[in-house]
Amino acid sequence: MSWTTTGHPLRQRIAISLFVVLCVSFLSVLAGCSDDDRKAVNAVPVLASVSPASATVGGAAFTLNATGSGFQVTSAVYWNGAARPTTFVSTSQLTAAIPATDVAMAGTAQVTVVTPAPGGGTSSAVTFTIQSPSASTGTAEGWWRGTSSTGRSVEGLVLGSGEYWLIYGAVNNSAVIAGLSQGNGTSQNGRFTSSNGIDFNFEGAGNSPVTVDATYVEEKSFDGAVKYTGTTNALTYTTTYYFEYRFPSPAPPLGPWITTTFSGTSYSGLTEYTEMTIASSGELTGVSASGCRFAGTIAPSTEANYYNVTVTFQGGACVNGTGTVVGIALFDFYPRRLTSAAVNSTRTSGYLFVGTAPW
C-alpha cells in the first residue's frame, strides 16, 4: 500500500489521519487477540508424585493425592486410562476418590492427570503398586485401633490364643458404642480368620453369628471385615497397632491409677449410666441408673497390657438376671479410661462398660 501527500492540503491531512487510525486499530486487534489466545490455552499438566503410592490387595477405598504443576479446575485424575472423581485443591494438587475395586488384584496401575482443551493434554504417568499382603510368621495378636469404612470407630484386642474382642462405635460418633464382636480365630501367614464369632449389637439388631476375614502385619496393621452370616452385611475396618499393648508388659498391678471409681456407660439389654469401682484387692462393684448391681474381680494379665474380668449380676433390675460374664478390660492411662467387655459361657448375652476417672 502507498500513500501520496501531493495535492490539496486538506486532502493530505485526511489521508494521513486515516492511515494512523487504521494502523492503531489493526495493532489493537492483534494485541487483543494475542491476550485472549494466551488466556484460553491450558497448560499440559505435570504429575510429579502420588500419595499413597501403593496399597495392599483387598484394601478399602481411599483418597489419592496427586502433586505436580499446571493443574486446572477442569483437570482430572485418571486410573489406567479411566477418570476418577477428582477435587481441585490448587494448581499443584488434586485429590481423587479411588474405589476398593481398583485395588482388588495385585499389580500396578498407571496414574495420569488430564486437562481438557483448549490446550491441555495428558501428563506423564506415575506408577501405583498394588501389592500382595505381606507374609508373616507372627500372629495378629495386639491392641488395635482404627475405623470402619462407614465411619465407625473400631477398637479391638486379639490375644495370642486367637481369642478376639472387637468393639465398634456408632456411625460418626465414637463416644457411643454400637456393638461387640467376640470369638476365636487363627493367624497364619498374614491372614486371620474366624468362623465362630458372635456379634452383640446395641443398636437393636440383637445377637448374630459372624465370621472374620482379615490380613495383618505383625504389630503394624490388622485390616479386614466382620461378616454377618446369611447376609451381605459386613463391618469392614482398618486398624493400626497400639503400642501400649506391650508397654508395660504384663499389665501393671492394680495401683492407684485404676483403683478408683469409673463413671460411664454400660451396654447390654439397656444402655445406661453406670459407675464401676475397683478396689486394690481386685474386687469390683458397680451400679447402673436402673438399679442393677453387680460385683466381680479384675486381675492383670500375665501376657500383655490387659486385664481379665469376671462380673456377676445381682438380679433385680439387671437384664442379665443373676448371670456371670467373663472377659477382658483395657485401661488407657490417658484419659484414664477403662473399657471392659465380657460374655456369658454360652455367648448368648454380652456386657460392655466404658468409663473414665479423674486424675
Protein backbone atom coordinates (compact mmCIF):
# COMPACT_ATOMS: atom_id res chain seq x y z
CA MET A 1 0.00 0.00 0.00
CA SER A 2 1.36 3.50 -0.86
CA TRP A 3 0.16 6.95 0.08
CA THR A 4 0.74 10.28 -1.73
CA THR A 5 0.83 13.57 0.07
CA THR A 6 0.74 15.73 -3.03
CA GLY A 7 -2.31 17.75 -3.90
CA HIS A 8 -4.71 19.70 -1.80
CA PRO A 9 -3.55 20.26 1.85
CA LEU A 10 -6.91 19.21 3.33
CA ARG A 11 -6.84 16.03 1.29
CA GLN A 12 -3.31 15.33 2.60
CA ARG A 13 -4.34 15.73 6.22
CA ILE A 14 -7.37 13.43 5.80
CA ALA A 15 -5.24 10.76 4.20
CA ILE A 16 -2.62 10.86 6.95
CA SER A 17 -5.24 10.73 9.73
CA LEU A 18 -6.99 7.78 8.12
CA PHE A 19 -3.68 5.92 7.87
CA VAL A 20 -2.90 6.48 11.56
CA VAL A 21 -6.37 5.35 12.68
CA LEU A 22 -6.17 2.19 10.58
CA CYS A 23 -2.72 1.30 11.91
CA VAL A 24 -3.67 1.82 15.55
CA SER A 25 -6.89 -0.17 15.16
CA PHE A 26 -5.08 -3.02 13.42
CA LEU A 27 -2.39 -3.21 16.10
CA SER A 28 -5.02 -3.14 18.86
CA VAL A 29 -6.89 -6.04 17.27
CA LEU A 30 -3.67 -8.04 17.03
CA ALA A 31 -2.76 -7.32 20.63
CA GLY A 32 -6.25 -8.19 21.86
CA CYS A 33 -6.36 -11.48 20.01
CA SER A 34 -2.96 -12.44 21.35
CA ASP A 35 -4.03 -11.86 25.01
CA ASP A 36 -7.26 -13.81 24.57
CA ASP A 37 -5.45 -16.71 22.98
CA ARG A 38 -2.92 -16.87 25.82
CA LYS A 39 -5.70 -16.93 28.45
CA ALA A 40 -7.73 -19.63 26.70
CA VAL A 41 -4.95 -22.21 26.22
CA ASN A 42 -4.50 -24.63 29.17
CA ALA A 43 -1.04 -25.85 30.07
CA VAL A 44 -0.08 -29.50 29.76
CA PRO A 45 -0.31 -30.88 33.36
CA VAL A 46 2.79 -32.25 35.06
CA LEU A 47 2.28 -35.11 37.55
CA ALA A 48 5.26 -35.46 39.89
CA SER A 49 4.02 -37.94 42.50
CA VAL A 50 1.01 -39.59 44.12
CA SER A 51 0.35 -40.39 47.77
CA PRO A 52 -0.10 -43.09 48.83
CA ALA A 53 1.99 -44.74 46.14
CA SER A 54 0.92 -48.28 46.98
CA ALA A 55 -1.86 -50.34 48.58
CA THR A 56 -2.43 -53.91 49.68
CA VAL A 57 -4.69 -56.22 47.69
CA GLY A 58 -8.22 -56.15 49.07
CA GLY A 59 -7.80 -52.79 50.76
CA ALA A 60 -10.61 -50.30 51.29
CA ALA A 61 -11.44 -47.29 49.13
CA PHE A 62 -9.13 -44.34 49.71
CA THR A 63 -8.25 -40.79 48.67
CA LEU A 64 -5.29 -40.37 46.33
CA ASN A 65 -3.29 -37.13 46.47
CA ALA A 66 -1.73 -36.06 43.17
CA THR A 67 1.09 -33.49 43.28
CA GLY A 68 2.55 -31.63 40.32
CA SER A 69 2.04 -28.37 38.42
CA GLY A 70 -0.20 -26.76 35.85
CA PHE A 71 -3.41 -28.27 37.22
CA GLN A 72 -6.70 -26.62 36.31
CA VAL A 73 -10.17 -26.74 37.85
CA THR A 74 -11.16 -28.95 34.92
CA SER A 75 -8.21 -31.36 35.37
CA ALA A 76 -9.00 -34.95 36.31
CA VAL A 77 -7.02 -37.88 37.71
CA TYR A 78 -7.10 -40.97 35.51
CA TRP A 79 -6.50 -44.54 36.75
CA ASN A 80 -5.37 -46.86 33.97
CA GLY A 81 -6.97 -44.53 31.47
CA ALA A 82 -10.29 -44.11 33.30
CA ALA A 83 -11.30 -40.91 35.06
CA ARG A 84 -11.83 -40.94 38.81
CA PRO A 85 -13.88 -38.38 40.81
CA THR A 86 -11.42 -35.51 41.25
CA THR A 87 -11.28 -32.47 43.52
CA PHE A 88 -9.21 -29.42 42.58
CA VAL A 89 -7.15 -28.24 45.57
CA SER A 90 -4.64 -25.95 43.84
CA THR A 91 -2.63 -25.68 40.65
CA SER A 92 -0.17 -28.11 42.25
CA GLN A 93 -2.53 -30.56 43.98
CA LEU A 94 -5.56 -32.69 43.13
CA THR A 95 -7.31 -35.40 45.13
CA ALA A 96 -9.16 -38.36 43.65
CA ALA A 97 -11.54 -40.96 45.09
CA ILE A 98 -10.19 -44.45 44.37
CA PRO A 99 -12.72 -47.29 44.90
CA ALA A 100 -11.81 -50.60 46.51
CA THR A 101 -12.33 -52.36 43.17
CA ASP A 102 -9.23 -50.60 41.84
CA VAL A 103 -7.01 -52.45 44.33
CA ALA A 104 -8.75 -55.81 44.26
CA MET A 105 -5.91 -57.53 42.38
CA ALA A 106 -2.13 -57.42 42.69
CA GLY A 107 -0.22 -55.49 40.03
CA THR A 108 0.35 -51.88 39.03
CA ALA A 109 -1.82 -49.01 37.86
CA GLN A 110 -0.81 -46.04 35.73
CA VAL A 111 -1.98 -42.72 37.16
CA THR A 112 -2.14 -39.64 34.95
CA VAL A 113 -3.69 -36.17 35.05
CA VAL A 114 -5.70 -35.00 32.05
CA THR A 115 -6.60 -31.36 31.34
CA PRO A 116 -9.13 -30.80 28.56
CA ALA A 117 -8.77 -28.49 25.54
CA PRO A 118 -8.13 -25.81 24.51
CA GLY A 119 -4.52 -26.72 25.04
CA GLY A 120 -4.15 -29.07 27.97
CA GLY A 121 -3.22 -32.70 27.44
CA THR A 122 -2.16 -35.75 29.41
CA SER A 123 0.68 -35.82 31.93
CA SER A 124 3.35 -38.48 32.11
CA ALA A 125 2.23 -41.50 34.15
CA VAL A 126 3.18 -42.31 37.73
CA THR A 127 3.06 -45.99 38.72
CA PHE A 128 0.89 -47.08 41.65
CA THR A 129 1.70 -50.52 43.13
CA ILE A 130 -0.95 -52.95 44.39
CA GLN A 131 0.93 -55.47 46.48
CA SER A 132 0.01 -58.84 47.94
CA PRO A 133 -0.35 -58.99 51.75
CA SER A 134 2.97 -59.37 53.48
CA ALA A 135 3.63 -62.87 54.70
CA SER A 136 4.06 -63.01 58.45
CA THR A 137 5.39 -65.72 60.70
CA GLY A 138 3.83 -63.98 63.69
CA THR A 139 0.19 -63.60 64.71
CA ALA A 140 -2.47 -60.91 64.74
CA GLU A 141 -2.05 -60.55 68.49
CA GLY A 142 -2.32 -56.98 69.73
CA TRP A 143 -4.39 -54.00 70.79
CA TRP A 144 -5.80 -52.47 67.62
CA ARG A 145 -7.43 -49.11 66.89
CA GLY A 146 -8.95 -47.71 63.71
CA THR A 147 -12.14 -47.05 61.78
CA SER A 148 -14.65 -48.84 59.60
CA SER A 149 -15.50 -47.96 56.01
CA THR A 150 -18.79 -46.48 57.27
CA GLY A 151 -17.25 -44.09 59.79
CA ARG A 152 -17.42 -46.22 62.91
CA SER A 153 -14.58 -46.29 65.42
CA VAL A 154 -13.09 -49.75 65.93
CA GLU A 155 -11.03 -50.91 68.89
CA GLY A 156 -10.04 -54.49 69.43
CA LEU A 157 -7.96 -56.98 71.29
CA VAL A 158 -6.57 -60.14 69.69
CA LEU A 159 -4.88 -62.47 72.15
CA GLY A 160 -2.07 -64.91 71.44
CA SER A 161 -4.59 -67.75 71.72
CA GLY A 162 -6.65 -66.30 68.85
CA GLU A 163 -9.44 -65.04 71.10
CA TYR A 164 -10.61 -61.66 69.86
CA TRP A 165 -12.81 -58.79 71.05
CA LEU A 166 -13.79 -56.09 68.53
CA ILE A 167 -15.73 -53.09 69.82
CA TYR A 168 -17.26 -50.65 67.34
CA GLY A 169 -18.90 -47.26 67.76
CA ALA A 170 -21.92 -45.58 66.24
CA VAL A 171 -21.53 -44.09 62.77
CA ASN A 172 -19.50 -40.89 63.02
CA ASN A 173 -19.80 -40.90 66.82
CA SER A 174 -17.03 -42.73 68.66
CA ALA A 175 -18.47 -41.65 72.02
CA VAL A 176 -21.37 -44.12 71.61
CA ILE A 177 -20.66 -47.87 71.50
CA ALA A 178 -22.76 -49.71 68.91
CA GLY A 179 -21.66 -53.30 69.33
CA LEU A 180 -19.17 -56.00 70.21
CA SER A 181 -17.94 -58.96 68.15
CA GLN A 182 -16.27 -61.82 70.01
CA GLY A 183 -14.87 -65.21 69.05
CA ASN A 184 -11.75 -67.25 68.35
CA GLY A 185 -9.66 -67.20 65.23
CA THR A 186 -6.46 -68.46 63.64
CA SER A 187 -3.44 -66.47 62.44
CA GLN A 188 -1.42 -67.87 59.55
CA ASN A 189 0.90 -66.21 57.02
CA GLY A 190 -0.57 -62.76 57.44
CA ARG A 191 -4.21 -63.81 57.45
CA PHE A 192 -6.58 -64.05 60.40
CA THR A 193 -9.83 -65.99 60.07
CA SER A 194 -12.63 -66.92 62.43
CA SER A 195 -15.84 -68.87 61.83
CA ASN A 196 -17.39 -68.88 65.31
CA GLY A 197 -17.90 -65.20 66.11
CA ILE A 198 -20.96 -63.70 67.77
CA ASP A 199 -21.89 -60.05 67.30
CA PHE A 200 -23.72 -58.32 70.17
CA ASN A 201 -25.35 -55.27 68.64
CA PHE A 202 -26.53 -52.48 70.95
CA GLU A 203 -28.46 -50.60 68.25
CA GLY A 204 -31.37 -53.04 68.18
CA ALA A 205 -30.12 -55.74 65.81
CA GLY A 206 -29.58 -58.28 68.61
CA ASN A 207 -27.08 -61.14 68.50
CA SER A 208 -25.82 -62.51 65.18
CA PRO A 209 -23.31 -65.16 64.10
CA VAL A 210 -20.35 -63.65 62.27
CA THR A 211 -17.11 -64.64 60.59
CA VAL A 212 -13.90 -62.63 60.40
CA ASP A 213 -11.52 -62.47 57.47
CA ALA A 214 -8.56 -60.12 57.90
CA THR A 215 -5.00 -59.51 56.83
CA TYR A 216 -2.34 -58.39 59.26
CA VAL A 217 1.25 -57.29 59.53
CA GLU A 218 2.58 -58.20 62.94
CA GLU A 219 2.43 -55.21 65.32
CA LYS A 220 1.59 -52.87 62.42
CA SER A 221 -1.83 -53.38 60.84
CA PHE A 222 -4.93 -55.54 61.18
CA ASP A 223 -7.45 -54.93 58.37
CA GLY A 224 -10.46 -56.96 57.39
CA ALA A 225 -14.18 -57.50 57.73
CA VAL A 226 -16.64 -58.89 60.23
CA LYS A 227 -19.21 -60.62 58.02
CA TYR A 228 -22.75 -61.32 59.20
CA THR A 229 -23.70 -64.91 58.36
CA GLY A 230 -26.55 -65.30 55.87
CA THR A 231 -26.45 -61.64 54.77
CA THR A 232 -24.30 -59.36 52.64
CA ASN A 233 -23.71 -57.06 55.62
CA ALA A 234 -20.16 -56.56 56.84
CA LEU A 235 -18.16 -54.30 59.11
CA THR A 236 -15.08 -53.53 57.02
CA TYR A 237 -12.29 -51.95 59.05
CA THR A 238 -8.67 -50.82 59.01
CA THR A 239 -6.70 -50.60 62.26
CA THR A 240 -3.16 -49.99 63.46
CA TYR A 241 -1.26 -51.47 66.35
CA TYR A 242 -1.45 -49.59 69.67
CA PHE A 243 1.97 -49.60 71.34
CA GLU A 244 0.55 -49.82 74.89
CA TYR A 245 -0.27 -53.50 74.30
CA ARG A 246 3.34 -54.29 75.19
CA PHE A 247 4.06 -51.26 77.34
CA PRO A 248 4.22 -52.17 80.11
CA SER A 249 4.03 -55.91 79.80
CA PRO A 250 2.39 -57.62 81.56
CA ALA A 251 -0.42 -55.34 82.65
CA PRO A 252 0.55 -53.17 85.63
CA PRO A 253 -0.69 -54.19 89.07
CA LEU A 254 -3.80 -52.61 90.50
CA GLY A 255 -2.19 -49.34 91.52
CA PRO A 256 -3.84 -46.01 92.35
CA TRP A 257 -4.36 -45.18 88.66
CA ILE A 258 -7.00 -47.89 88.33
CA THR A 259 -8.27 -48.47 91.89
CA THR A 260 -10.94 -45.79 91.79
CA THR A 261 -14.49 -45.22 90.58
CA PHE A 262 -15.08 -45.02 86.84
CA SER A 263 -18.18 -43.23 85.57
CA GLY A 264 -19.57 -44.02 82.16
CA THR A 265 -22.00 -46.14 80.19
CA SER A 266 -22.84 -49.84 80.25
CA TYR A 267 -24.29 -51.71 77.28
CA SER A 268 -26.27 -54.94 77.39
CA GLY A 269 -30.04 -55.12 77.11
CA LEU A 270 -30.03 -51.50 78.27
CA THR A 271 -27.73 -48.60 77.55
CA GLU A 272 -27.43 -46.58 80.73
CA TYR A 273 -25.25 -44.56 83.05
CA THR A 274 -23.13 -46.82 85.25
CA GLU A 275 -20.44 -46.48 87.90
CA MET A 276 -17.81 -49.15 88.49
CA THR A 277 -15.46 -49.12 91.50
CA ILE A 278 -12.24 -51.12 91.62
CA ALA A 279 -10.52 -51.91 94.93
CA SER A 280 -6.81 -52.59 95.42
CA SER A 281 -7.72 -56.19 96.29
CA GLY A 282 -9.02 -56.68 92.73
CA GLU A 283 -12.67 -56.69 93.74
CA LEU A 284 -15.02 -54.60 91.61
CA THR A 285 -18.55 -53.43 92.27
CA GLY A 286 -20.95 -51.42 90.22
CA VAL A 287 -24.43 -49.97 89.91
CA SER A 288 -26.35 -48.67 86.92
CA ALA A 289 -29.03 -45.99 86.64
CA SER A 290 -31.78 -48.64 86.59
CA GLY A 291 -30.59 -50.02 89.92
CA CYS A 292 -28.79 -53.07 88.54
CA ARG A 293 -25.92 -54.00 90.85
CA PHE A 294 -23.01 -56.27 90.08
CA ALA A 295 -19.77 -57.47 91.63
CA GLY A 296 -16.71 -59.33 90.43
CA THR A 297 -12.96 -59.37 90.08
CA ILE A 298 -10.30 -57.79 87.89
CA ALA A 299 -6.73 -59.07 87.61
CA PRO A 300 -3.69 -58.12 85.47
CA SER A 301 -2.90 -60.48 82.62
CA THR A 302 0.46 -62.22 82.63
CA GLU A 303 0.67 -61.96 78.81
CA ALA A 304 0.33 -58.29 77.91
CA ASN A 305 -1.21 -54.99 78.94
CA TYR A 306 -4.81 -56.01 79.55
CA TYR A 307 -6.88 -57.31 82.49
CA ASN A 308 -9.04 -60.39 82.99
CA VAL A 309 -12.52 -59.61 84.32
CA THR A 310 -15.37 -61.61 85.86
CA VAL A 311 -18.70 -59.95 86.66
CA THR A 312 -21.75 -61.48 88.40
CA PHE A 313 -25.06 -59.62 88.32
CA GLN A 314 -27.23 -59.48 91.43
CA GLY A 315 -30.68 -59.77 89.89
CA GLY A 316 -33.47 -57.27 90.33
CA ALA A 317 -33.19 -54.62 87.64
CA CYS A 318 -30.35 -56.43 85.84
CA VAL A 319 -31.19 -57.53 82.30
CA ASN A 320 -28.69 -60.36 82.78
CA GLY A 321 -30.52 -61.55 85.91
CA THR A 322 -28.02 -63.28 88.18
CA GLY A 323 -25.76 -64.46 85.39
CA THR A 324 -21.98 -64.27 85.24
CA VAL A 325 -19.93 -62.92 82.34
CA VAL A 326 -16.21 -63.30 81.75
CA GLY A 327 -14.00 -61.12 79.58
CA ILE A 328 -11.26 -58.54 79.36
CA ALA A 329 -10.58 -54.91 80.22
CA LEU A 330 -8.32 -52.36 78.54
CA PHE A 331 -7.03 -49.44 80.58
CA ASP A 332 -5.82 -46.32 78.79
CA PHE A 333 -3.67 -44.15 81.04
CA TYR A 334 -4.70 -41.02 79.19
CA PRO A 335 -7.52 -40.07 79.50
CA ARG A 336 -7.71 -42.68 82.29
CA ARG A 337 -10.37 -44.71 80.51
CA LEU A 338 -11.44 -48.27 81.29
CA THR A 339 -13.10 -50.40 78.60
CA SER A 340 -14.42 -53.79 79.71
CA ALA A 341 -16.14 -56.41 77.56
CA ALA A 342 -17.48 -59.78 78.71
CA VAL A 343 -19.84 -62.57 77.63
CA ASN A 344 -21.57 -65.44 79.39
CA SER A 345 -20.47 -69.06 78.98
CA THR A 346 -22.88 -69.74 76.12
CA ARG A 347 -22.27 -66.36 74.49
CA THR A 348 -25.97 -65.58 74.45
CA SER A 349 -25.54 -62.34 76.34
CA GLY A 350 -22.79 -59.77 76.47
CA TYR A 351 -21.87 -56.85 78.66
CA LEU A 352 -19.71 -53.84 77.93
CA PHE A 353 -18.69 -50.89 80.07
CA VAL A 354 -16.74 -47.75 79.12
CA GLY A 355 -15.94 -45.25 81.84
CA THR A 356 -13.39 -42.62 82.82
CA ALA A 357 -12.00 -41.41 86.14
CA PRO A 358 -10.43 -38.05 87.06
CA TRP A 359 -6.75 -37.89 87.93
